Structure formats: structure tokens, C-alpha cells
Protein backbone atom coordinates (compact mmCIF):
# COMPACT_ATOMS: atom_id res chain seq x y z
CA MET A 1 139.95 -146.42 -10.03
CA ASN A 2 139.33 -149.03 -7.36
CA ALA A 3 141.31 -146.95 -4.86
CA PHE A 4 139.26 -143.85 -5.68
CA ILE A 5 135.99 -145.72 -5.34
CA GLY A 6 137.18 -147.19 -2.07
CA TRP A 7 137.99 -143.70 -0.76
CA LEU A 8 134.53 -142.43 -1.75
CA ASN A 9 132.97 -145.47 -0.13
CA ARG A 10 134.75 -144.83 3.16
CA HIS A 11 134.32 -141.07 3.34
CA VAL A 12 131.41 -139.92 1.18
CA VAL A 13 128.84 -142.72 1.50
CA PRO A 14 128.57 -142.61 5.35
CA ILE A 15 127.93 -138.87 5.18
CA ALA A 16 125.31 -139.29 2.47
CA ALA A 17 123.60 -142.06 4.45
CA LYS A 18 123.43 -139.83 7.51
CA ILE A 19 122.00 -136.95 5.44
CA GLY A 20 119.34 -139.23 4.03
CA SER A 21 118.22 -140.29 7.50
CA ILE A 22 117.91 -136.80 9.09
CA ARG A 23 114.31 -136.56 10.19
CA TRP A 24 113.96 -132.88 9.29
CA LEU A 25 115.08 -133.54 5.72
CA VAL A 26 112.86 -136.60 5.45
CA ALA A 27 109.90 -134.49 6.61
CA LEU A 28 110.81 -131.76 4.10
CA ARG A 29 110.98 -134.29 1.27
CA ASP A 30 107.68 -135.91 2.27
CA ALA A 31 105.99 -132.51 2.59
CA PHE A 32 106.92 -131.65 -0.99
CA ILE A 33 105.71 -135.06 -2.14
CA ALA A 34 102.40 -134.49 -0.37
CA ILE A 35 101.59 -131.37 -2.45
CA ILE A 36 102.28 -133.10 -5.77
CA PRO A 37 98.55 -133.77 -6.41
CA ALA A 38 97.84 -130.03 -6.15
CA MET A 39 100.77 -129.21 -8.40
CA MET A 40 99.64 -131.72 -11.04
CA ALA A 41 96.04 -130.42 -10.93
CA GLY A 42 97.36 -126.90 -11.43
CA ALA A 43 99.60 -128.14 -14.26
CA VAL A 44 96.57 -129.66 -16.03
CA SER A 45 94.75 -126.33 -15.83
CA THR A 46 97.79 -124.55 -17.25
CA VAL A 47 98.19 -126.97 -20.17
CA LEU A 48 94.48 -126.80 -21.00
CA ASN A 49 94.56 -123.05 -21.09
CA VAL A 50 97.52 -123.18 -23.45
CA LEU A 51 95.65 -125.51 -25.79
CA ILE A 52 92.30 -123.70 -25.76
CA CYS A 53 93.41 -120.08 -25.21
CA ASP A 54 97.10 -119.27 -25.84
CA ILE A 55 97.68 -121.27 -29.04
CA PRO A 56 94.36 -120.31 -30.68
CA THR A 57 94.97 -116.66 -29.76
CA GLN A 58 98.39 -116.81 -31.38
CA PHE A 59 96.84 -118.00 -34.64
CA LYS A 60 93.88 -115.60 -34.21
CA TRP A 61 91.34 -118.42 -33.88
CA THR A 62 89.10 -116.27 -31.75
CA GLY A 63 86.08 -118.49 -32.25
CA ILE A 64 87.72 -121.33 -30.26
CA VAL A 65 88.69 -118.93 -27.46
CA ASP A 66 85.20 -117.44 -27.26
CA SER A 67 83.52 -120.86 -27.18
CA MET A 68 85.86 -122.12 -24.46
CA GLN A 69 85.50 -119.22 -22.05
CA TRP A 70 83.65 -121.45 -19.60
CA LEU A 71 86.56 -123.93 -19.47
CA ILE A 72 89.12 -121.10 -19.28
CA GLY A 73 87.24 -119.77 -16.24
CA ILE A 74 87.19 -123.19 -14.59
CA ASN A 75 90.92 -123.59 -15.24
CA ALA A 76 91.53 -120.25 -13.55
CA MET A 77 89.61 -121.44 -10.50
CA VAL A 78 91.60 -124.67 -10.35
CA TRP A 79 94.86 -122.70 -10.58
CA THR A 80 93.65 -120.47 -7.76
CA GLY A 81 93.08 -123.49 -5.52
CA THR A 82 96.37 -125.23 -6.39
CA LEU A 83 99.47 -123.47 -7.73
CA ALA A 84 98.47 -120.07 -6.39
CA ILE A 85 98.30 -121.34 -2.81
CA LEU A 86 101.09 -123.93 -2.71
CA GLY A 87 102.76 -122.01 0.12
CA LEU A 88 99.69 -122.52 2.29
CA LEU A 89 99.41 -126.19 1.40
CA PHE A 90 103.12 -126.74 1.98
CA ALA A 91 102.90 -125.07 5.39
CA PHE A 92 100.37 -127.65 6.59
CA THR A 93 102.12 -130.68 5.02
CA PHE A 94 105.52 -129.64 6.44
CA GLY A 95 104.17 -129.32 9.97
CA TYR A 96 102.27 -132.57 9.60
CA GLN A 97 105.22 -134.58 8.25
CA LEU A 98 107.62 -133.15 10.81
CA ALA A 99 105.23 -134.20 13.60
CA VAL A 100 104.99 -137.66 12.04
CA GLN A 101 108.79 -138.00 12.10
CA TYR A 102 108.90 -137.21 15.81
CA GLN A 103 105.77 -139.21 16.59
CA VAL A 104 103.69 -136.38 18.03
CA GLU A 105 100.15 -135.30 17.09
CA PRO A 106 100.46 -134.42 13.38
CA VAL A 107 97.31 -132.44 12.58
CA THR A 108 98.10 -129.90 15.30
CA GLY A 109 101.67 -129.76 13.95
CA GLY A 110 100.28 -128.81 10.52
CA ILE A 111 98.06 -126.15 12.07
CA VAL A 112 101.00 -124.67 14.00
CA VAL A 113 103.11 -124.17 10.88
CA LEU A 114 100.15 -122.89 8.89
CA GLY A 115 99.37 -120.33 11.61
CA ALA A 116 103.02 -119.30 11.90
CA PHE A 117 103.19 -118.82 8.14
CA ILE A 118 100.05 -116.64 8.03
CA MET A 119 101.53 -114.44 10.77
CA SER A 120 104.59 -113.87 8.58
CA LEU A 121 102.67 -112.32 5.68
CA PRO A 122 102.04 -108.61 5.13
CA GLN A 123 98.45 -107.94 6.13
CA ASN A 124 97.88 -104.76 4.17
CA PHE A 125 98.12 -103.53 0.62
CA THR A 126 99.52 -100.28 -0.78
CA VAL A 127 98.57 -98.65 -4.05
CA ALA A 128 100.73 -95.93 -5.56
CA LEU A 129 98.74 -93.23 -7.43
CA SER A 130 99.99 -91.00 -10.20
CA SER A 131 98.79 -87.90 -8.31
CA ALA A 132 97.60 -87.00 -4.82
CA LEU A 133 93.93 -87.30 -3.93
CA GLY A 134 91.69 -84.39 -3.10
CA LYS A 135 90.28 -83.83 0.35
CA GLY A 136 86.92 -85.42 -0.45
CA ALA A 137 88.45 -88.64 -1.79
CA THR A 138 90.90 -88.78 1.04
CA LYS A 139 88.09 -88.52 3.59
CA LEU A 140 86.13 -91.32 1.89
CA ILE A 141 89.11 -93.66 2.00
CA THR A 142 89.99 -92.72 5.57
CA ASP A 143 86.41 -93.27 6.72
CA ALA A 144 86.53 -96.75 5.13
CA GLY A 145 89.59 -97.65 7.23
CA GLY A 146 92.31 -96.82 4.71
CA VAL A 147 95.40 -94.68 5.19
CA VAL A 148 96.37 -91.99 2.69
CA ASP A 149 100.01 -90.94 2.69
CA GLY A 150 100.69 -88.55 -0.16
CA LYS A 151 100.24 -90.53 -3.37
CA ASN A 152 100.05 -93.89 -1.51
CA ILE A 153 96.88 -95.58 -0.27
CA SER A 154 97.13 -98.50 2.13
CA MET A 155 94.62 -100.62 4.03
CA TRP A 156 94.96 -103.34 6.64
CA GLY A 157 93.34 -106.76 6.44
CA TYR A 158 94.38 -107.89 2.95
CA PHE A 159 96.87 -110.50 1.84
CA ASN A 160 98.79 -110.21 -1.41
CA PHE A 161 97.34 -113.41 -2.82
CA GLY A 162 99.36 -113.43 -6.03
CA LYS A 163 102.75 -112.90 -4.40
CA PHE A 164 102.94 -114.55 -1.01
CA PHE A 165 100.64 -117.58 -1.07
CA GLY A 166 102.60 -119.52 -3.68
CA SER A 167 106.18 -120.81 -3.80
CA TYR A 168 107.44 -117.45 -2.55
CA GLY A 169 106.53 -118.66 0.94
CA PHE A 170 108.44 -121.97 0.92
CA PHE A 171 111.53 -120.71 2.72
CA THR A 172 109.44 -118.85 5.27
CA VAL A 173 107.53 -122.04 6.01
CA MET A 174 110.79 -123.95 6.51
CA ILE A 175 112.37 -121.35 8.81
CA ILE A 176 109.60 -119.78 10.89
CA GLY A 177 107.58 -123.01 10.77
CA GLY A 178 110.63 -125.00 11.76
CA ILE A 179 111.26 -122.76 14.78
CA ALA A 180 107.65 -123.07 15.92
CA MET A 181 107.66 -126.84 15.43
CA THR A 182 110.86 -127.24 17.40
CA LEU A 183 109.14 -125.85 20.49
CA TYR A 184 105.93 -127.79 19.77
CA ILE A 185 107.78 -131.10 19.48
CA TRP A 186 109.94 -130.41 22.56
CA LEU A 187 106.92 -129.65 24.77
CA MET A 188 105.03 -132.67 23.44
CA LYS A 189 108.02 -134.91 24.19
CA LYS A 190 108.31 -133.44 27.69
CA ASN A 191 104.58 -134.19 28.23
CA VAL A 192 103.77 -130.54 28.88
CA THR A 193 100.24 -131.27 27.82
CA ILE A 194 96.65 -131.42 29.05
CA LYS A 195 95.80 -135.00 29.86
CA MET A 196 92.16 -135.96 29.46
CA PRO A 197 90.36 -138.86 31.19
CA GLU A 198 90.29 -142.17 29.33
CA ALA A 199 86.56 -141.84 28.76
CA VAL A 200 87.08 -138.84 26.49
CA PRO A 201 86.96 -139.73 22.76
CA PRO A 202 90.44 -140.02 21.19
CA ALA A 203 89.86 -137.19 18.70
CA ILE A 204 89.03 -134.76 21.50
CA ALA A 205 91.85 -136.02 23.70
CA LYS A 206 94.41 -135.49 20.91
CA ALA A 207 93.16 -131.95 20.34
CA PHE A 208 93.49 -131.10 24.02
CA THR A 209 96.92 -132.70 24.22
CA GLY A 210 98.30 -130.20 21.75
CA ILE A 211 96.81 -127.06 23.25
CA ILE A 212 99.75 -126.00 25.46
CA PRO A 213 102.53 -126.89 22.99
CA ALA A 214 100.67 -125.34 20.05
CA THR A 215 99.94 -122.14 21.99
CA ALA A 216 103.59 -121.78 23.03
CA ALA A 217 104.76 -122.51 19.46
CA LEU A 218 102.42 -119.94 17.94
CA TYR A 219 103.42 -117.36 20.50
CA ILE A 220 107.13 -117.80 19.74
CA ALA A 221 106.28 -117.27 16.07
CA GLY A 222 104.26 -114.20 17.05
CA VAL A 223 107.16 -112.76 19.05
CA ILE A 224 109.56 -113.22 16.12
CA ASN A 225 107.10 -111.57 13.73
CA TYR A 226 106.57 -108.64 16.10
CA LEU A 227 110.30 -108.04 16.56
CA ILE A 228 110.92 -108.05 12.81
CA SER A 229 107.92 -105.80 12.21
CA LEU A 230 109.66 -103.10 14.30
CA ASN A 231 112.02 -102.73 11.31
CA LYS A 232 109.06 -101.87 9.03
CA THR A 233 109.10 -105.23 7.26
CA THR A 234 107.63 -108.70 7.62
CA VAL A 235 109.18 -112.12 8.18
CA ILE A 236 108.45 -113.37 4.67
CA GLU A 237 109.97 -110.26 3.06
CA PHE A 238 112.92 -110.39 5.42
CA ILE A 239 113.65 -114.08 4.67
CA ALA A 240 113.08 -113.57 0.94
CA THR A 241 115.59 -110.71 0.81
CA LEU A 242 118.18 -112.27 3.07
CA ILE A 243 118.02 -115.97 2.12
CA GLN A 244 115.55 -117.01 -0.55
CA GLU A 245 116.37 -114.63 -3.38
CA PRO A 246 120.17 -115.03 -3.04
CA LEU A 247 119.80 -118.85 -3.05
CA LEU A 248 117.48 -118.84 -6.05
CA ASN A 249 119.83 -116.54 -7.94
CA MET A 250 122.77 -118.77 -7.01
CA SER A 251 120.87 -121.85 -8.20
CA GLN A 252 120.67 -120.39 -11.68
CA GLY A 253 124.45 -120.45 -12.01
CA PHE A 254 126.12 -123.19 -14.08
CA TRP A 255 128.31 -124.46 -11.25
CA ALA A 256 125.34 -124.91 -8.90
CA VAL A 257 123.48 -126.95 -11.53
CA LEU A 258 126.60 -128.96 -12.32
CA LEU A 259 127.36 -129.66 -8.67
CA MET A 260 123.84 -130.93 -7.97
CA THR A 261 123.98 -133.20 -11.02
CA LEU A 262 127.33 -134.59 -9.92
CA LEU A 263 126.31 -135.24 -6.31
CA VAL A 264 123.17 -137.12 -7.35
CA GLN A 265 125.24 -139.34 -9.62
CA ILE A 266 127.85 -140.09 -6.96
CA PHE A 267 125.23 -141.01 -4.37
CA TRP A 268 123.45 -143.26 -6.83
CA PHE A 269 126.69 -145.04 -7.75
CA PHE A 270 127.04 -146.16 -4.16
CA GLY A 271 123.48 -147.43 -3.99
CA LEU A 272 121.96 -144.38 -2.31
CA HIS A 273 118.90 -142.84 -3.97
CA GLY A 274 120.57 -139.55 -4.87
CA THR A 275 117.40 -137.74 -5.89
CA ASN A 276 115.78 -138.72 -2.58
CA VAL A 277 118.83 -137.89 -0.42
CA LEU A 278 119.15 -134.47 -2.08
CA GLY A 279 115.40 -134.09 -2.62
CA PRO A 280 115.01 -131.40 0.07
CA VAL A 281 117.65 -129.27 -1.68
CA LEU A 282 116.30 -129.93 -5.16
CA ASP A 283 112.74 -129.14 -4.17
CA SER A 284 113.30 -126.23 -1.83
CA ILE A 285 115.42 -124.36 -4.39
CA TRP A 286 114.73 -125.53 -7.98
CA LEU A 287 111.10 -126.54 -7.40
CA THR A 288 110.50 -123.10 -5.90
CA ALA A 289 111.94 -121.62 -9.09
CA GLN A 290 109.76 -123.89 -11.20
CA ILE A 291 106.54 -122.96 -9.44
CA ALA A 292 107.44 -119.30 -9.84
CA ASN A 293 107.80 -119.97 -13.58
CA MET A 294 104.46 -121.76 -13.67
CA ASN A 295 102.65 -118.94 -11.93
CA ALA A 296 104.31 -116.33 -14.14
CA PHE A 297 103.31 -118.29 -17.26
CA MET A 298 99.71 -118.55 -16.06
CA LYS A 299 99.62 -114.76 -15.58
CA GLY A 300 101.23 -114.09 -18.96
CA GLU A 301 104.39 -112.69 -17.40
CA ALA A 302 108.04 -113.28 -18.30
CA LEU A 303 109.54 -116.44 -16.75
CA PRO A 304 111.88 -115.43 -13.90
CA PHE A 305 114.14 -118.52 -13.90
CA ILE A 306 115.93 -120.50 -16.65
CA TRP A 307 116.71 -123.70 -14.72
CA THR A 308 114.15 -125.53 -12.62
CA ARG A 309 113.55 -128.88 -10.94
CA ASN A 310 112.16 -130.70 -13.98
CA ALA A 311 115.01 -129.45 -16.19
CA PHE A 312 117.27 -132.03 -14.53
CA ASP A 313 114.86 -134.81 -15.45
CA LEU A 314 114.39 -133.62 -19.01
CA TYR A 315 118.01 -133.13 -20.03
CA ALA A 316 120.36 -134.87 -17.56
CA TRP A 317 118.44 -137.86 -16.15
CA ILE A 318 116.73 -139.35 -19.18
CA GLY A 319 115.40 -142.71 -18.09
CA GLY A 320 116.46 -142.02 -14.51
CA ALA A 321 119.63 -140.80 -12.82
CA GLY A 322 122.63 -141.31 -15.06
CA SER A 323 120.42 -141.33 -18.16
CA THR A 324 120.53 -145.10 -17.93
CA LEU A 325 117.98 -145.51 -20.72
CA LEU A 326 120.80 -144.58 -23.11
CA LEU A 327 123.04 -147.22 -21.50
CA LEU A 328 120.34 -149.84 -22.04
CA ILE A 329 120.09 -148.93 -25.70
CA ALA A 330 123.87 -149.14 -26.06
CA ILE A 331 123.90 -152.56 -24.42
CA LEU A 332 121.18 -153.91 -26.70
CA LEU A 333 123.08 -152.70 -29.74
CA PHE A 334 126.69 -153.42 -28.86
CA SER A 335 126.96 -155.78 -25.88
CA LYS A 336 128.03 -159.39 -26.48
CA ARG A 337 127.41 -160.40 -22.89
CA ASP A 338 124.28 -162.42 -22.33
CA ASP A 339 123.95 -161.33 -18.73
CA GLN A 340 123.90 -157.62 -19.57
CA CYS A 341 121.63 -158.09 -22.59
CA THR A 342 119.13 -159.98 -20.44
CA VAL A 343 119.08 -157.21 -17.81
CA ALA A 344 118.77 -154.57 -20.58
CA LYS A 345 115.78 -156.31 -22.15
CA LEU A 346 114.04 -156.49 -18.80
CA SER A 347 114.91 -152.89 -17.89
CA ILE A 348 114.18 -151.08 -21.15
CA ALA A 349 110.42 -150.77 -20.61
CA PRO A 350 110.66 -149.39 -17.06
CA GLY A 351 113.51 -147.16 -18.24
CA CYS A 352 111.23 -145.47 -20.78
CA PHE A 353 109.20 -144.27 -17.78
CA ASN A 354 112.28 -143.18 -15.77
CA VAL A 355 112.34 -146.26 -13.49
CA ASN A 356 115.96 -147.36 -13.44
CA GLU A 357 116.31 -149.47 -10.26
CA PRO A 358 116.32 -152.70 -12.34
CA VAL A 359 119.42 -151.62 -14.26
CA MET A 360 121.06 -149.88 -11.27
CA PHE A 361 120.95 -152.99 -9.11
CA GLY A 362 120.47 -155.69 -11.75
CA LEU A 363 123.34 -154.96 -14.13
CA PRO A 364 124.60 -153.61 -11.68
CA ILE A 365 125.87 -150.07 -12.17
CA VAL A 366 126.20 -149.65 -8.40
CA LEU A 367 129.89 -150.02 -7.50
CA ASP A 368 130.79 -151.15 -11.04
CA PRO A 369 134.17 -149.53 -11.92
CA ILE A 370 133.57 -150.00 -15.65
CA TYR A 371 130.41 -147.86 -15.70
CA PHE A 372 131.48 -145.37 -13.06
CA ILE A 373 133.02 -142.94 -15.58
CA PRO A 374 130.12 -142.79 -18.12
CA PHE A 375 127.54 -142.83 -15.35
CA ILE A 376 129.09 -139.62 -13.99
CA LEU A 377 130.24 -138.13 -17.29
CA ALA A 378 127.10 -138.49 -19.42
CA PRO A 379 124.76 -136.43 -17.15
CA VAL A 380 127.49 -133.81 -16.59
CA VAL A 381 127.99 -133.31 -20.32
CA MET A 382 124.27 -133.40 -21.05
CA VAL A 383 123.35 -130.91 -18.34
CA SER A 384 126.12 -128.58 -19.58
CA ILE A 385 124.74 -128.64 -23.14
CA ALA A 386 121.18 -128.07 -21.94
CA TYR A 387 122.25 -125.22 -19.68
CA GLY A 388 124.07 -123.55 -22.54
CA ALA A 389 121.02 -123.90 -24.77
CA HIS A 390 118.89 -122.19 -22.12
CA ILE A 391 121.37 -119.38 -21.61
CA LEU A 392 121.52 -118.74 -25.36
CA GLY A 393 117.72 -118.74 -25.56
CA TRP A 394 117.59 -121.70 -27.93
CA VAL A 395 114.91 -123.40 -25.85
CA SER A 396 112.28 -122.15 -23.39
CA PRO A 397 112.63 -122.86 -19.65
CA VAL A 398 110.25 -125.23 -17.92
CA LYS A 399 106.90 -123.58 -17.34
CA ASN A 400 104.73 -126.53 -16.38
CA GLN A 401 104.86 -129.37 -13.85
CA ILE A 402 105.16 -132.91 -15.25
CA VAL A 403 104.95 -136.36 -13.69
CA TRP A 404 108.44 -137.78 -13.20
CA SER A 405 107.45 -141.02 -14.93
CA MET A 406 106.44 -139.33 -18.20
CA PRO A 407 108.49 -140.72 -21.16
CA PRO A 408 111.05 -138.67 -23.11
CA PHE A 409 109.95 -136.16 -25.74
CA VAL A 410 106.42 -136.08 -24.36
CA ASN A 411 107.69 -134.76 -21.02
CA SER A 412 109.86 -132.04 -22.55
CA LEU A 413 107.12 -130.82 -24.89
CA ILE A 414 104.54 -130.56 -22.10
CA ALA A 415 106.97 -129.08 -19.57
CA THR A 416 108.19 -126.29 -21.87
CA MET A 417 105.39 -125.96 -24.44
CA ASP A 418 108.26 -125.49 -26.89
CA TRP A 419 108.87 -127.75 -29.91
CA ARG A 420 112.61 -127.14 -29.59
CA ALA A 421 112.81 -128.89 -26.21
CA PRO A 422 112.33 -132.43 -27.64
CA ILE A 423 115.06 -131.62 -30.22
CA LEU A 424 117.47 -130.64 -27.43
CA GLN A 425 116.47 -133.76 -25.56
CA ALA A 426 117.20 -135.87 -28.65
CA VAL A 427 120.60 -134.24 -29.07
CA ASN A 428 121.44 -134.99 -25.46
CA MET A 429 120.26 -138.59 -25.86
CA VAL A 430 122.60 -139.10 -28.84
CA ILE A 431 125.54 -137.59 -26.92
CA GLY A 432 124.83 -139.62 -23.81
CA PHE A 433 124.49 -142.77 -25.92
CA LEU A 434 127.87 -142.14 -27.56
CA ILE A 435 129.48 -141.65 -24.16
CA TYR A 436 128.21 -145.03 -22.97
CA VAL A 437 129.07 -147.05 -26.12
CA PRO A 438 132.88 -147.36 -25.58
CA PHE A 439 132.34 -148.60 -22.06
CA VAL A 440 129.78 -151.16 -23.17
CA LYS A 441 132.33 -152.46 -25.65
CA ALA A 442 134.98 -152.49 -22.92
CA ALA A 443 132.65 -154.53 -20.74
CA ASN A 444 132.50 -157.15 -23.51
CA LYS A 445 136.13 -158.04 -22.71
CA LEU A 446 135.27 -158.86 -19.09
CA ASP A 447 134.16 -162.33 -18.20
CA PRO A 448 130.97 -162.14 -16.10
CA GLU A 449 132.06 -165.26 -14.21
CA LEU A 450 135.12 -163.50 -12.82
CA THR A 451 135.32 -162.68 -9.15
CA VAL A 452 135.75 -159.01 -8.37
CA ASP A 453 139.51 -159.16 -7.89
CA GLU A 454 140.43 -161.78 -10.52
CA PRO A 455 141.65 -160.52 -13.92
CA VAL A 456 140.94 -162.38 -17.16
CA MET A 457 144.55 -163.50 -17.80
CA LYS A 458 144.83 -165.03 -14.35
CA LYS A 459 141.65 -167.00 -14.91
CA GLU A 460 142.83 -168.28 -18.31
CA LYS A 461 146.12 -169.40 -16.74
CA ARG A 462 144.24 -171.22 -13.97
CA VAL A 463 142.03 -172.98 -16.52
CA LYS A 464 145.04 -174.19 -18.51
CA GLU A 465 146.81 -175.46 -15.38
CA THR A 466 143.84 -177.31 -13.84
CA GLY A 467 141.77 -178.09 -16.88
CA LYS A 468 138.65 -176.93 -15.07
CA LEU A 469 137.07 -173.90 -13.54
CA GLU A 470 136.72 -173.57 -9.79
CA GLY A 471 133.36 -175.03 -8.90
CA ASP A 472 133.30 -177.48 -11.84
CA ALA A 473 132.35 -181.05 -11.11
CA VAL A 474 135.31 -183.38 -10.48
């Protein structure tokens, strides 16, 4: 075991540390974090509509629904300004955070990515009719600026709000926005800018500084969009077909879910914040799927994805990565070591709210060969059970955003709006607890005063020979 851990420490940890320090990934992670307030506001509107509209409608309590129409309308407005436009919000935050990482003017960076993203969207709509229009109707539509092609009517100047402004645009933001920002940052670093006199107010000077780099960046995005439009498509549709949809479909496979769970655990074991290091992957793929579920639920449509970002938190990382809340319970019930019981007592309250740094570094679990196996095994088994339950339709997928610090049972009920989710969570908690118990009992046989490389029998022999422990007073 020590040899294996040493090998991981030499070969895996340095790679993980480098990944965690890549500025593009840090910017991506921070951009997703920046839109959390909007996601939570949209989540509140969704939950409220479930409570005052969906549930009463299911039980035919029409009086409640009728009396709450004003709040239902407000919730719809809040959803429109949050979850429905997350792609737009993310475009700005990604450009802003990327500029922050490279220490160039950030507001202009946000505007560049937002503009590049808007360019990438279809700017017309098409309606398919059941039958062709007559000459009079065709003339009316044509005079209004529309195009009639057989049974199809199209018109320029409209964005498909429901489809492209939400999470559907995340990958387009990352790719086309990343290309535009590369040129913007490079020109800013090369000082290809307009320099204003010192007497000019800083706000105006910063705006003028970014004119040349921003113009060049937006033009490169425009060229890319024009070239792709020659193939009768748009950048966002091209990226969705070629990259986004295959990745999202792949993310719904069992092995993808299992691999992500395993990698987060391994990184955490070596003291690296696995969910932060892999946050860009988790958010760009599984958060995209989750937001698609949230929007579909708000519209009353079928949920497109079974496994989303919060599903990891609900079923595999109860109390934090490794489901360490279950370890703390096992220690309090079965540990005979005062040192571990003390840490468990101090860590149990934060653990209920998914804060597990006290136990990770206080016990510690980091680099502890005793807890390596259950720390890896428990989440792997738990995520496998949860995935199977989703595939079999025993529990509904996540359809609502939750705060990561929300305690167990409450988080699963709100996230899924399904009473079966807390039951699945409870089953996983029992299984994870049972996995940890034998290792807690095994840890009872280890003397906490031992050095890392000194076994118990050697210490007992040394005590018998010298009559005292090393460090005792003479």
C-alpha cells in the first residue's frame, strides 16, 4: 500500500497540481462560481412554482393555483432573467475572469466574449406550417420582411431565446470566446493599445486601452462565424453537434460518472481539492446537463439527462468528498482512540453542511494508508448504486439547483422534488457507513504516538528494553 501511495504521489500529484494551476481552468471555474447567484435565484423561482402550482394542480387544488397567479407570474420573470439566460451571463463572467487571470482590463474582456457569443447564435426563426400559404398571405409576410419557402416561414432578427441563451451556449462560450480572448490578451500584453494622457480619468483611459485588442478579437470571431455560415449553419449549432452533444451523452455513461468520482477522491487523498481541480470538467459537462434539466422542468418538458452535477453531491459525496460524514459517525460509535474521537466531535457539525476540511486535514485522511481504501471505495460503491437507481427509474434526476452546503435529506428532496431521493440517500449512507466501520476498528489497533514507519511490535520491544519511550524525561 505504501509503495502504491508513493507511486501516486510521485506521478499523479504533480500532474494534478499543474492542472489546478492552469489559468484558463481557474478562470473557467471562477466564471461558473460567479453565476451561482443567478442559478440560485432561478432555483428559488422553480421551487416556489412547484409548491404553489405543480403540487396543487396534481391534487386539483385549483383555488390555490388561481390565487397565486401573481406569484407564478413573478417566478416566470425571475426564471427568464436567470436560468433562461445563463449562457449570456456565463459569456461575460468567463471573459472577465480570463482577463483577471492574465491581468488585463477585465470588463472589456467580458464584453468581447459576450459579443463573440451573440455572433454565434442563429439570428432568424423558422416556422413549419401544415400547408402552404396562399398568395395574399405570402405577400403580407414578404412585405413584413419574412421569407416564405414552401411550407416554411422564416424571418431575420430574432434569437431563439428558449434554446440558445441558456446552458446550451456554454461550450460555444468556451471555444469561440476563448479564441477571441486569446487574441485580446495577446494584443494587450504586447501593448498594441491606445494610450491616453495621464490627465484622462482612469475609467475612460481603460476603455480606450481595450479598443484595438477588442476590435481585433471581435473581428476574428466574426470571420469564424462567417466561414461557418457558408455551410448553412451557425457556430453554436456546429459546436453543439460536433462537441457538446457527444460529450453530454458520454457523461451520462456509468464509466464516465465512475471515473470522475474516482479522480476527485484520489486528488483529495493527496491534499488537493479534487472538486476544485476538476471543477471546470464537472461544471462544463454535468452542470450544463443539470441546467438543461432545470429549464426543461420549468417548461413542463421531460428531463433530458439522468446524471447531473448535484447528483455527485447527493449520493457520492455526503458530508464532502469521500462521504466523510459517514466516517465521522463510524468513529464516534466505534473508535477507541481519543485523538480521532476528538477530531470527529469537532468535525461532525461542519460535516453536516458538507465542510470536510477539518476531518481531511485534522484526522488526517490525507496520506493515511488506513483510510485510503474506504475513502476511495465508499463513494465508488455509493455512486454505482445511485446510478443504477436512476437508470431503473427508481428515483427522479436532479431538476433543481441546490447550495452545496445544504444538509443531507433536505438537499436531495429539494434537488429532485422526489420523496424517493432521501430514501436512496439514506441507503447510500448506511452502505458508506458499513464500508468505513472495519477500517475505524482497524485504526484502533494503531498507536497514535507511533512514527510513520514504526510498527507497534517494534515500539513495544523498545519500551521493554529501555523502560521508557523516546522523549520521556530521564
